[in-house]
PDB file of N, CA and C in Angstrom:
ATOM      1  N   MET A   1      97.491 -37.971 -39.802  1.00  0.00           N
ATOM      2  CA  MET A   1      98.827 -38.278 -40.239  1.00  0.00           C
ATOM      3  C   MET A   1      99.140 -37.431 -41.470  1.00  0.00           C
ATOM      4  N   GLU A   2     100.334 -36.947 -41.550  1.00  0.00           N
ATOM      5  CA  GLU A   2     100.834 -36.148 -42.665  1.00  0.00           C
ATOM      6  C   GLU A   2     101.113 -37.053 -43.871  1.00  0.00           C
ATOM      7  N   PRO A   3     100.641 -36.674 -45.079  1.00  0.00           N
ATOM      8  CA  PRO A   3     100.963 -37.477 -46.264  1.00  0.00           C
ATOM      9  C   PRO A   3     102.470 -37.529 -46.505  1.00  0.00           C
ATOM     10  N   CYS A   4     102.949 -38.642 -47.027  1.00  0.00           N
ATOM     11  CA  CYS A   4     104.384 -38.787 -47.323  1.00  0.00           C
ATOM     12  C   CYS A   4     104.828 -37.820 -48.401  1.00  0.00           C
ATOM     13  N   PHE A   5     103.993 -37.628 -49.406  1.00  0.00           N
ATOM     14  CA  PHE A   5     104.336 -36.785 -50.541  1.00  0.00           C
ATOM     15  C   PHE A   5     103.298 -35.689 -50.664  1.00  0.00           C
ATOM     16  N   LYS A   6     103.764 -34.495 -51.025  1.00  0.00           N
ATOM     17  CA  LYS A   6     102.854 -33.369 -51.207  1.00  0.00           C
ATOM     18  C   LYS A   6     103.030 -32.817 -52.609  1.00  0.00           C
ATOM     19  N   GLU A   7     101.975 -32.197 -53.116  1.00  0.00           N
ATOM     20  CA  GLU A   7     102.053 -31.569 -54.421  1.00  0.00           C
ATOM     21  C   GLU A   7     103.176 -30.541 -54.412  1.00  0.00           C
ATOM     22  N   GLY A   8     103.995 -30.569 -55.430  1.00  0.00           N
ATOM     23  CA  GLY A   8     105.114 -29.641 -55.530  1.00  0.00           C
ATOM     24  C   GLY A   8     106.439 -30.232 -55.070  1.00  0.00           C
ATOM     25  N   ASP A   9     106.417 -31.396 -54.380  1.00  0.00           N
ATOM     26  CA  ASP A   9     107.662 -32.061 -53.987  1.00  0.00           C
ATOM     27  C   ASP A   9     108.374 -32.550 -55.243  1.00  0.00           C
ATOM     28  N   TYR A  10     109.666 -32.749 -55.129  1.00  0.00           N
ATOM     29  CA  TYR A  10     110.465 -33.272 -56.230  1.00  0.00           C
ATOM     30  C   TYR A  10     110.814 -34.730 -55.941  1.00  0.00           C
ATOM     31  N   VAL A  11     110.838 -35.523 -56.986  1.00  0.00           N
ATOM     32  CA  VAL A  11     111.240 -36.923 -56.842  1.00  0.00           C
ATOM     33  C   VAL A  11     112.202 -37.292 -57.966  1.00  0.00           C
ATOM     34  N   LEU A  12     113.077 -38.227 -57.665  1.00  0.00           N
ATOM     35  CA  LEU A  12     113.943 -38.823 -58.675  1.00  0.00           C
ATOM     36  C   LEU A  12     113.563 -40.292 -58.768  1.00  0.00           C
ATOM     37  N   ALA A  13     113.418 -40.765 -59.995  1.00  0.00           N
ATOM     38  CA  ALA A  13     113.027 -42.154 -60.192  1.00  0.00           C
ATOM     39  C   ALA A  13     113.991 -42.828 -61.157  1.00  0.00           C
ATOM     40  N   ASN A  14     114.274 -44.083 -60.875  1.00  0.00           N
ATOM     41  CA  ASN A  14     115.102 -44.902 -61.751  1.00  0.00           C
ATOM     42  C   ASN A  14     114.220 -45.412 -62.886  1.00  0.00           C
ATOM     43  N   LYS A  15     114.470 -44.935 -64.103  1.00  0.00           N
ATOM     44  CA  LYS A  15     113.673 -45.335 -65.252  1.00  0.00           C
ATOM     45  C   LYS A  15     114.254 -46.554 -65.968  1.00  0.00           C
ATOM     46  N   LEU A  16     115.460 -46.917 -65.608  1.00  0.00           N
ATOM     47  CA  LEU A  16     116.100 -48.034 -66.298  1.00  0.00           C
ATOM     48  C   LEU A  16     115.919 -49.315 -65.512  1.00  0.00           C
ATOM     49  N   PHE A  17     116.866 -50.101 -65.372  1.00  0.00           N
ATOM     50  CA  PHE A  17     116.796 -51.452 -64.806  1.00  0.00           C
ATOM     51  C   PHE A  17     116.323 -51.446 -63.357  1.00  0.00           C
ATOM     52  N   PHE A  18     115.057 -51.746 -63.155  1.00  0.00           N
ATOM     53  CA  PHE A  18     114.540 -51.819 -61.798  1.00  0.00           C
ATOM     54  C   PHE A  18     113.628 -53.033 -61.653  1.00  0.00           C
ATOM     55  N   SER A  19     113.671 -53.627 -60.477  1.00  0.00           N
ATOM     56  CA  SER A  19     112.738 -54.700 -60.153  1.00  0.00           C
ATOM     57  C   SER A  19     111.830 -54.169 -59.055  1.00  0.00           C
ATOM     58  N   LEU A  20     110.619 -54.690 -58.991  1.00  0.00           N
ATOM     59  CA  LEU A  20     109.643 -54.175 -58.039  1.00  0.00           C
ATOM     60  C   LEU A  20     109.227 -55.242 -57.051  1.00  0.00           C
ATOM     61  N   LYS A  21     109.010 -54.784 -55.831  1.00  0.00           N
ATOM     62  CA  LYS A  21     108.501 -55.658 -54.778  1.00  0.00           C
ATOM     63  C   LYS A  21     107.503 -54.876 -53.942  1.00  0.00           C
ATOM     64  N   LYS A  22     106.767 -55.564 -53.118  1.00  0.00           N
ATOM     65  CA  LYS A  22     105.784 -54.939 -52.248  1.00  0.00           C
ATOM     66  C   LYS A  22     106.467 -53.864 -51.397  1.00  0.00           C
ATOM     67  N   GLY A  23     105.841 -52.698 -51.331  1.00  0.00           N
ATOM     68  CA  GLY A  23     106.361 -51.594 -50.527  1.00  0.00           C
ATOM     69  C   GLY A  23     107.122 -50.555 -51.321  1.00  0.00           C
ATOM     70  N   ASP A  24     107.540 -50.883 -52.545  1.00  0.00           N
ATOM     71  CA  ASP A  24     108.262 -49.917 -53.380  1.00  0.00           C
ATOM     72  C   ASP A  24     107.327 -48.786 -53.800  1.00  0.00           C
ATOM     73  N   VAL A  25     107.864 -47.572 -53.857  1.00  0.00           N
ATOM     74  CA  VAL A  25     107.118 -46.420 -54.356  1.00  0.00           C
ATOM     75  C   VAL A  25     107.523 -46.211 -55.810  1.00  0.00           C
ATOM     76  N   VAL A  26     106.518 -46.032 -56.666  1.00  0.00           N
ATOM     77  CA  VAL A  26     106.769 -45.903 -58.096  1.00  0.00           C
ATOM     78  C   VAL A  26     106.054 -44.684 -58.667  1.00  0.00           C
ATOM     79  N   VAL A  27     106.581 -44.200 -59.777  1.00  0.00           N
ATOM     80  CA  VAL A  27     105.919 -43.174 -60.575  1.00  0.00           C
ATOM     81  C   VAL A  27     105.197 -43.915 -61.685  1.00  0.00           C
ATOM     82  N   ILE A  28     103.889 -43.673 -61.801  1.00  0.00           N
ATOM     83  CA  ILE A  28     103.115 -44.335 -62.856  1.00  0.00           C
ATOM     84  C   ILE A  28     102.376 -43.292 -63.686  1.00  0.00           C
ATOM     85  N   ARG A  29     102.021 -43.689 -64.883  1.00  0.00           N
ATOM     86  CA  ARG A  29     101.137 -42.870 -65.712  1.00  0.00           C
ATOM     87  C   ARG A  29      99.700 -43.259 -65.351  1.00  0.00           C
ATOM     88  N   HIS A  30      98.850 -42.254 -65.228  1.00  0.00           N
ATOM     89  CA  HIS A  30      97.440 -42.518 -64.931  1.00  0.00           C
ATOM     90  C   HIS A  30      96.866 -43.357 -66.084  1.00  0.00           C
ATOM     91  N   PRO A  31      96.205 -44.474 -65.782  1.00  0.00           N
ATOM     92  CA  PRO A  31      95.703 -45.362 -66.833  1.00  0.00           C
ATOM     93  C   PRO A  31      94.719 -44.704 -67.802  1.00  0.00           C
ATOM     94  N   LYS A  32      93.998 -43.677 -67.352  1.00  0.00           N
ATOM     95  CA  LYS A  32      93.002 -43.037 -68.213  1.00  0.00           C
ATOM     96  C   LYS A  32      93.464 -41.708 -68.790  1.00  0.00           C
ATOM     97  N   ASN A  33      94.567 -41.163 -68.279  1.00  0.00           N
ATOM     98  CA  ASN A  33      95.127 -39.912 -68.778  1.00  0.00           C
ATOM     99  C   ASN A  33      96.642 -40.036 -68.714  1.00  0.00           C
ATOM    100  N   ARG A  34      97.244 -40.539 -69.772  1.00  0.00           N
ATOM    101  CA  ARG A  34      98.677 -40.868 -69.766  1.00  0.00           C
ATOM    102  C   ARG A  34      99.594 -39.656 -69.624  1.00  0.00           C
ATOM    103  N   GLU A  35      99.050 -38.453 -69.700  1.00  0.00           N
ATOM    104  CA  GLU A  35      99.867 -37.249 -69.499  1.00  0.00           C
ATOM    105  C   GLU A  35     100.021 -36.930 -68.013  1.00  0.00           C
ATOM    106  N   LYS A  36      99.231 -37.560 -67.173  1.00  0.00           N
ATOM    107  CA  LYS A  36      99.252 -37.316 -65.734  1.00  0.00           C
ATOM    108  C   LYS A  36     100.083 -38.395 -65.039  1.00  0.00           C
ATOM    109  N   PHE A  37     100.952 -37.968 -64.122  1.00  0.00           N
ATOM    110  CA  PHE A  37     101.793 -38.898 -63.374  1.00  0.00           C
ATOM    111  C   PHE A  37     101.311 -38.998 -61.933  1.00  0.00           C
ATOM    112  N   LEU A  38     101.427 -40.198 -61.359  1.00  0.00           N
ATOM    113  CA  LEU A  38     101.007 -40.452 -59.985  1.00  0.00           C
ATOM    114  C   LEU A  38     102.131 -41.157 -59.232  1.00  0.00           C
ATOM    115  N   LEU A  39     102.210 -40.919 -57.930  1.00  0.00           N
ATOM    116  CA  LEU A  39     103.109 -41.664 -57.050  1.00  0.00           C
ATOM    117  C   LEU A  39     102.271 -42.671 -56.287  1.00  0.00           C
ATOM    118  N   LYS A  40     102.639 -43.926 -56.375  1.00  0.00           N
ATOM    119  CA  LYS A  40     101.889 -44.986 -55.705  1.00  0.00           C
ATOM    120  C   LYS A  40     102.850 -45.987 -55.088  1.00  0.00           C
ATOM    121  N   ARG A  41     102.350 -46.704 -54.097  1.00  0.00           N
ATOM    122  CA  ARG A  41     103.117 -47.751 -53.433  1.00  0.00           C
ATOM    123  C   ARG A  41     102.615 -49.109 -53.932  1.00  0.00           C
ATOM    124  N   ILE A  42     103.534 -49.989 -54.277  1.00  0.00           N
ATOM    125  CA  ILE A  42     103.163 -51.337 -54.730  1.00  0.00           C
ATOM    126  C   ILE A  42     102.679 -52.139 -53.521  1.00  0.00           C
ATOM    127  N   ASN A  43     101.454 -52.653 -53.626  1.00  0.00           N
ATOM    128  CA  ASN A  43     100.892 -53.474 -52.545  1.00  0.00           C
ATOM    129  C   ASN A  43     100.972 -54.960 -52.838  1.00  0.00           C
ATOM    130  N   LYS A  44     100.915 -55.297 -54.128  1.00  0.00           N
ATOM    131  CA  LYS A  44     100.918 -56.707 -54.506  1.00  0.00           C
ATOM    132  C   LYS A  44     101.464 -56.848 -55.918  1.00  0.00           C
ATOM    133  N   VAL A  45     102.251 -57.883 -56.130  1.00  0.00           N
ATOM    134  CA  VAL A  45     102.806 -58.178 -57.452  1.00  0.00           C
ATOM    135  C   VAL A  45     102.084 -59.398 -58.004  1.00  0.00           C
ATOM    136  N   LEU A  46     101.512 -59.250 -59.206  1.00  0.00           N
ATOM    137  CA  LEU A  46     100.757 -60.328 -59.853  1.00  0.00           C
ATOM    138  C   LEU A  46     101.356 -60.607 -61.224  1.00  0.00           C
ATOM    139  N   GLY A  47     102.569 -61.102 -61.264  1.00  0.00           N
ATOM    140  CA  GLY A  47     103.250 -61.323 -62.543  1.00  0.00           C
ATOM    141  C   GLY A  47     103.670 -59.999 -63.151  1.00  0.00           C
ATOM    142  N   ASN A  48     103.074 -59.626 -64.306  1.00  0.00           N
ATOM    143  CA  ASN A  48     103.368 -58.334 -64.938  1.00  0.00           C
ATOM    144  C   ASN A  48     102.374 -57.251 -64.549  1.00  0.00           C
ATOM    145  N   LYS A  49     101.503 -57.546 -63.597  1.00  0.00           N
ATOM    146  CA  LYS A  49     100.532 -56.553 -63.127  1.00  0.00           C
ATOM    147  C   LYS A  49     100.800 -56.262 -61.664  1.00  0.00           C
ATOM    148  N   TYR A  50     100.394 -55.058 -61.260  1.00  0.00           N
ATOM    149  CA  TYR A  50     100.673 -54.603 -59.899  1.00  0.00           C
ATOM    150  C   TYR A  50      99.446 -53.933 -59.310  1.00  0.00           C
ATOM    151  N   ILE A  51      99.224 -54.203 -58.034  1.00  0.00           N
ATOM    152  CA  ILE A  51      98.217 -53.479 -57.274  1.00  0.00           C
ATOM    153  C   ILE A  51      98.966 -52.337 -56.611  1.00  0.00           C
ATOM    154  N   ALA A  52      98.573 -51.115 -56.936  1.00  0.00           N
ATOM    155  CA  ALA A  52      99.260 -49.934 -56.418  1.00  0.00           C
ATOM    156  C   ALA A  52      98.268 -49.055 -55.674  1.00  0.00           C
ATOM    157  N   SER A  53      98.696 -48.515 -54.546  1.00  0.00           N
ATOM    158  CA  SER A  53      97.797 -47.647 -53.789  1.00  0.00           C
ATOM    159  C   SER A  53      98.546 -46.424 -53.291  1.00  0.00           C
ATOM    160  N   GLY A  54      97.772 -45.391 -53.037  1.00  0.00           N
ATOM    161  CA  GLY A  54      98.329 -44.178 -52.465  1.00  0.00           C
ATOM    162  C   GLY A  54      98.388 -44.299 -50.953  1.00  0.00           C
ATOM    163  N   ASP A  55      99.284 -43.550 -50.330  1.00  0.00           N
ATOM    164  CA  ASP A  55      99.414 -43.602 -48.873  1.00  0.00           C
ATOM    165  C   ASP A  55      98.236 -42.944 -48.172  1.00  0.00           C
ATOM    166  N   ASN A  56      97.590 -41.983 -48.818  1.00  0.00           N
ATOM    167  CA  ASN A  56      96.447 -41.301 -48.233  1.00  0.00           C
ATOM    168  C   ASN A  56      95.178 -41.983 -48.743  1.00  0.00           C
ATOM    169  N   LYS A  57      94.864 -43.120 -48.166  1.00  0.00           N
ATOM    170  CA  LYS A  57      93.804 -44.000 -48.683  1.00  0.00           C
ATOM    171  C   LYS A  57      92.452 -43.318 -48.822  1.00  0.00           C
ATOM    172  N   LYS A  58      92.159 -42.360 -47.951  1.00  0.00           N
ATOM    173  CA  LYS A  58      90.858 -41.697 -47.981  1.00  0.00           C
ATOM    174  C   LYS A  58      90.649 -40.902 -49.276  1.00  0.00           C
ATOM    175  N   TYR A  59      91.724 -40.341 -49.823  1.00  0.00           N
ATOM    176  CA  TYR A  59      91.597 -39.461 -50.984  1.00  0.00           C
ATOM    177  C   TYR A  59      92.323 -39.964 -52.230  1.00  0.00           C
ATOM    178  N   SER A  60      93.001 -41.071 -52.153  1.00  0.00           N
ATOM    179  CA  SER A  60      93.847 -41.533 -53.242  1.00  0.00           C
ATOM    180  C   SER A  60      93.050 -42.192 -54.365  1.00  0.00           C
ATOM    181  N   ILE A  61      93.433 -41.861 -55.597  1.00  0.00           N
ATOM    182  CA  ILE A  61      92.931 -42.567 -56.776  1.00  0.00           C
ATOM    183  C   ILE A  61      93.993 -43.613 -57.098  1.00  0.00           C
ATOM    184  N   ASP A  62      93.635 -44.888 -57.004  1.00  0.00           N
ATOM    185  CA  ASP A  62      94.630 -45.939 -57.152  1.00  0.00           C
ATOM    186  C   ASP A  62      93.992 -47.211 -57.694  1.00  0.00           C
ATOM    187  N   SER A  63      94.618 -48.352 -57.498  1.00  0.00           N
ATOM    188  CA  SER A  63      94.117 -49.616 -58.048  1.00  0.00           C
ATOM    189  C   SER A  63      92.718 -49.972 -57.563  1.00  0.00           C
ATOM    190  N   ARG A  64      92.291 -49.410 -56.459  1.00  0.00           N
ATOM    191  CA  ARG A  64      90.909 -49.642 -56.019  1.00  0.00           C
ATOM    192  C   ARG A  64      89.927 -49.031 -57.021  1.00  0.00           C
ATOM    193  N   HIS A  65      90.376 -48.002 -57.759  1.00  0.00           N
ATOM    194  CA  HIS A  65      89.525 -47.325 -58.739  1.00  0.00           C
ATOM    195  C   HIS A  65      89.770 -47.797 -60.165  1.00  0.00           C
ATOM    196  N   PHE A  66      91.056 -47.986 -60.543  1.00  0.00           N
ATOM    197  CA  PHE A  66      91.345 -48.343 -61.927  1.00  0.00           C
ATOM    198  C   PHE A  66      91.884 -49.751 -62.095  1.00  0.00           C
ATOM    199  N   GLY A  67      91.917 -50.539 -61.034  1.00  0.00           N
ATOM    200  CA  GLY A  67      92.336 -51.934 -61.131  1.00  0.00           C
ATOM    201  C   GLY A  67      93.845 -52.097 -61.173  1.00  0.00           C
ATOM    202  N   PRO A  68      94.322 -53.336 -61.354  1.00  0.00           N
ATOM    203  CA  PRO A  68      95.763 -53.582 -61.437  1.00  0.00           C
ATOM    204  C   PRO A  68      96.363 -52.831 -62.625  1.00  0.00           C
ATOM    205  N   ILE A  69      97.616 -52.432 -62.483  1.00  0.00           N
ATOM    206  CA  ILE A  69      98.286 -51.718 -63.575  1.00  0.00           C
ATOM    207  C   ILE A  69      99.315 -52.630 -64.230  1.00  0.00           C
ATOM    208  N   ASN A  70      99.480 -52.457 -65.523  1.00  0.00           N
ATOM    209  CA  ASN A  70     100.501 -53.192 -66.261  1.00  0.00           C
ATOM    210  C   ASN A  70     101.850 -52.522 -66.051  1.00  0.00           C
ATOM    211  N   LYS A  71     102.903 -53.300 -66.212  1.00  0.00           N
ATOM    212  CA  LYS A  71     104.256 -52.778 -66.028  1.00  0.00           C
ATOM    213  C   LYS A  71     104.560 -51.621 -66.983  1.00  0.00           C
ATOM    214  N   ASP A  72     103.930 -51.599 -68.151  1.00  0.00           N
ATOM    215  CA  ASP A  72     104.211 -50.524 -69.108  1.00  0.00           C
ATOM    216  C   ASP A  72     103.731 -49.156 -68.622  1.00  0.00           C
ATOM    217  N   LEU A  73     102.860 -49.104 -67.618  1.00  0.00           N
ATOM    218  CA  LEU A  73     102.424 -47.822 -67.047  1.00  0.00           C
ATOM    219  C   LEU A  73     103.405 -47.299 -66.001  1.00  0.00           C
ATOM    220  N   ILE A  74     104.320 -48.149 -65.556  1.00  0.00           N
ATOM    221  CA  ILE A  74     105.281 -47.741 -64.527  1.00  0.00           C
ATOM    222  C   ILE A  74     106.452 -47.034 -65.192  1.00  0.00           C
ATOM    223  N   VAL A  75     106.642 -45.781 -64.811  1.00  0.00           N
ATOM    224  CA  VAL A  75     107.713 -44.955 -65.380  1.00  0.00           C
ATOM    225  C   VAL A  75     109.035 -45.281 -64.708  1.00  0.00           C
ATOM    226  N   GLY A  76     109.009 -45.471 -63.400  1.00  0.00           N
ATOM    227  CA  GLY A  76     110.238 -45.756 -62.683  1.00  0.00           C
ATOM    228  C   GLY A  76     109.998 -45.956 -61.200  1.00  0.00           C
ATOM    229  N   LYS A  77     111.037 -46.413 -60.544  1.00  0.00           N
ATOM    230  CA  LYS A  77     111.007 -46.674 -59.101  1.00  0.00           C
ATOM    231  C   LYS A  77     111.633 -45.472 -58.386  1.00  0.00           C
ATOM    232  N   LEU A  78     110.971 -44.996 -57.352  1.00  0.00           N
ATOM    233  CA  LEU A  78     111.444 -43.829 -56.612  1.00  0.00           C
ATOM    234  C   LEU A  78     112.781 -44.125 -55.936  1.00  0.00           C
ATOM    235  N   ILE A  79     113.745 -43.224 -56.136  1.00  0.00           N
ATOM    236  CA  ILE A  79     115.036 -43.394 -55.467  1.00  0.00           C
ATOM    237  C   ILE A  79     115.358 -42.217 -54.549  1.00  0.00           C
ATOM    238  N   MET A  80     114.672 -41.056 -54.740  1.00  0.00           N
ATOM    239  CA  MET A  80     114.925 -39.916 -53.867  1.00  0.00           C
ATOM    240  C   MET A  80     113.699 -39.005 -53.845  1.00  0.00           C
ATOM    241  N   HIS A  81     113.390 -38.493 -52.657  1.00  0.00           N
ATOM    242  CA  HIS A  81     112.254 -37.591 -52.460  1.00  0.00           C
ATOM    243  C   HIS A  81     112.780 -36.320 -51.808  1.00  0.00           C
ATOM    244  N   ILE A  82     112.459 -35.166 -52.399  1.00  0.00           N
ATOM    245  CA  ILE A  82     112.910 -33.879 -51.870  1.00  0.00           C
ATOM    246  C   ILE A  82     111.696 -33.015 -51.600  1.00  0.00           C
ATOM    247  N   ARG A  83     111.509 -32.642 -50.345  1.00  0.00           N
ATOM    248  CA  ARG A  83     110.369 -31.766 -49.995  1.00  0.00           C
ATOM    249  C   ARG A  83     110.601 -30.372 -50.522  1.00  0.00           C
ATOM    250  N   LYS A  84     109.548 -29.776 -51.001  1.00  0.00           N
ATOM    251  CA  LYS A  84     109.630 -28.414 -51.521  1.00  0.00           C
ATOM    252  C   LYS A  84     109.670 -27.422 -50.376  1.00  0.00           C
TER     253      LYS A  84
END
């Protein structure tokens, strides 16, 4: 299966008033390297924490590796994806 997102694609994310639910795609800061951004899908909402995973489960670095993420790591909710 082809990954949904590829390196070099462009995305637009809503950084302001957004609510999150299971299935939403979000831009997050990597918990261990805040200069790095990741695209992840919300799998579970646990109050102010979220279980987020990548669509390419075999190669994705996600909540299986760094645990649930706090809302402060979420930059925004994806609103548009443009293939390069």
